[in-house]
Amino acid sequence: FVAQRCLWKLGYGVAFFAADVVQHRNVHDLRKDFADEMPGHLENERIASILASLELKSGVENLASNMLQCYQSLINAQVLDTRELLLVNAWLDDIREMLL
């Protein structure tokens, strides 16, 4: 949802295709995975509404701040845990490193 919202602001979209890779997963609890994913499925309309209401800035240079704004809004609405922001910031740091 966040990627789609940010890309729409840039005039782009998201396309979905069947997977073309094989993932070898470590041992994990499928029931916990399912429980962790349920809020996202049950709150689709609310998530979309929250993100649609945001005033994002145009331009690629604002992509990171737009992304952070989206995540912060979902955290404020208690859709996501605050720990999610740590992961987003780490991911953005990695992207910045790759671009140097």
Protein backbone atom coordinates (compact mmCIF):
# COMPACT_ATOMS: atom_id res chain seq x y z
CA PHE A 1 0.00 0.00 0.00
CA VAL A 2 2.76 2.44 0.89
CA ALA A 3 4.74 1.79 -2.28
CA GLN A 4 1.61 2.16 -4.38
CA ARG A 5 0.65 5.43 -2.69
CA CYS A 6 4.14 6.90 -3.10
CA LEU A 7 4.38 5.79 -6.74
CA TRP A 8 0.96 7.27 -7.56
CA LYS A 9 2.27 10.65 -6.39
CA LEU A 10 5.07 10.27 -8.96
CA GLY A 11 2.63 9.29 -11.70
CA TYR A 12 3.61 5.61 -11.65
CA GLY A 13 1.85 2.43 -10.58
CA VAL A 14 2.52 -1.04 -9.24
CA ALA A 15 2.20 -4.25 -11.26
CA PHE A 16 1.90 -7.72 -9.77
CA PHE A 17 3.14 -10.92 -11.37
CA ALA A 18 3.58 -14.54 -10.33
CA ALA A 19 6.80 -15.26 -8.45
CA ASP A 20 9.73 -16.38 -10.57
CA VAL A 21 12.09 -17.37 -7.76
CA VAL A 22 12.24 -20.11 -5.14
CA GLN A 23 12.61 -19.03 -1.54
CA HIS A 24 14.21 -21.36 0.98
CA ARG A 25 12.81 -20.22 4.32
CA ASN A 26 14.23 -20.71 7.76
CA VAL A 27 12.11 -22.52 10.32
CA HIS A 28 9.24 -20.34 11.50
CA ASP A 29 5.74 -20.56 12.93
CA LEU A 30 3.16 -20.42 10.13
CA ARG A 31 0.36 -19.68 12.62
CA LYS A 32 2.26 -16.67 13.95
CA ASP A 33 2.96 -15.51 10.38
CA PHE A 34 -0.75 -15.79 9.62
CA ALA A 35 -1.74 -13.91 12.78
CA ASP A 36 0.80 -11.16 12.01
CA GLU A 37 -0.59 -10.70 8.49
CA MET A 38 -4.30 -10.68 9.41
CA PRO A 39 -4.58 -6.99 10.38
CA GLY A 40 -3.30 -5.99 6.95
CA HIS A 41 -5.95 -8.11 5.27
CA LEU A 42 -8.79 -7.08 7.58
CA GLU A 43 -7.98 -3.36 7.48
CA ASN A 44 -7.39 -2.92 3.73
CA GLU A 45 -9.99 -0.18 3.33
CA ARG A 46 -8.85 1.70 6.43
CA ILE A 47 -5.20 1.54 5.36
CA ALA A 48 -6.06 2.76 1.86
CA SER A 49 -8.16 5.59 3.31
CA ILE A 50 -5.40 6.72 5.69
CA LEU A 51 -2.83 6.77 2.91
CA ALA A 52 -5.16 8.48 0.42
CA SER A 53 -5.77 11.31 2.88
CA LEU A 54 -2.08 12.24 3.09
CA GLU A 55 -0.67 15.32 1.38
CA LEU A 56 2.50 13.92 -0.16
CA LYS A 57 5.07 16.02 -2.00
CA SER A 58 5.79 15.65 -5.71
CA GLY A 59 9.19 14.65 -7.06
CA VAL A 60 11.60 11.77 -6.67
CA GLU A 61 13.63 13.82 -4.18
CA ASN A 62 10.66 13.55 -1.75
CA LEU A 63 10.21 9.79 -2.06
CA ALA A 64 11.92 8.93 1.24
CA SER A 65 10.07 11.60 3.23
CA ASN A 66 6.76 10.56 1.61
CA MET A 67 7.44 6.96 2.54
CA LEU A 68 8.22 7.93 6.14
CA GLN A 69 5.06 10.03 6.28
CA CYS A 70 2.99 7.05 5.11
CA TYR A 71 4.51 4.71 7.66
CA GLN A 72 4.19 7.26 10.46
CA SER A 73 0.50 7.74 9.66
CA LEU A 74 -0.11 3.98 9.85
CA ILE A 75 1.77 3.84 13.14
CA ASN A 76 -0.27 6.76 14.51
CA ALA A 77 -3.44 4.92 13.49
CA GLN A 78 -2.12 1.83 15.30
CA VAL A 79 -2.18 -0.22 12.11
CA LEU A 80 1.58 -0.79 12.42
CA ASP A 81 3.84 -1.16 15.42
CA THR A 82 6.32 1.66 16.12
CA ARG A 83 9.17 -0.80 15.52
CA GLU A 84 8.27 -0.75 11.82
CA LEU A 85 9.81 2.72 11.54
CA LEU A 86 13.20 1.33 12.62
CA LEU A 87 13.10 -1.13 9.73
CA VAL A 88 11.99 1.52 7.23
CA ASN A 89 14.78 3.86 8.31
CA ALA A 90 17.34 1.04 8.09
CA TRP A 91 16.10 0.18 4.59
CA LEU A 92 16.30 3.83 3.49
CA ASP A 93 19.83 4.06 4.92
CA ASP A 94 20.82 1.00 2.89
CA ILE A 95 19.36 2.52 -0.28
CA ARG A 96 21.23 5.79 0.34
CA GLU A 97 24.47 3.84 0.83
CA MET A 98 23.98 2.02 -2.48
CA LEU A 99 23.46 5.32 -4.30
CA LEU A 100 26.75 6.83 -3.10
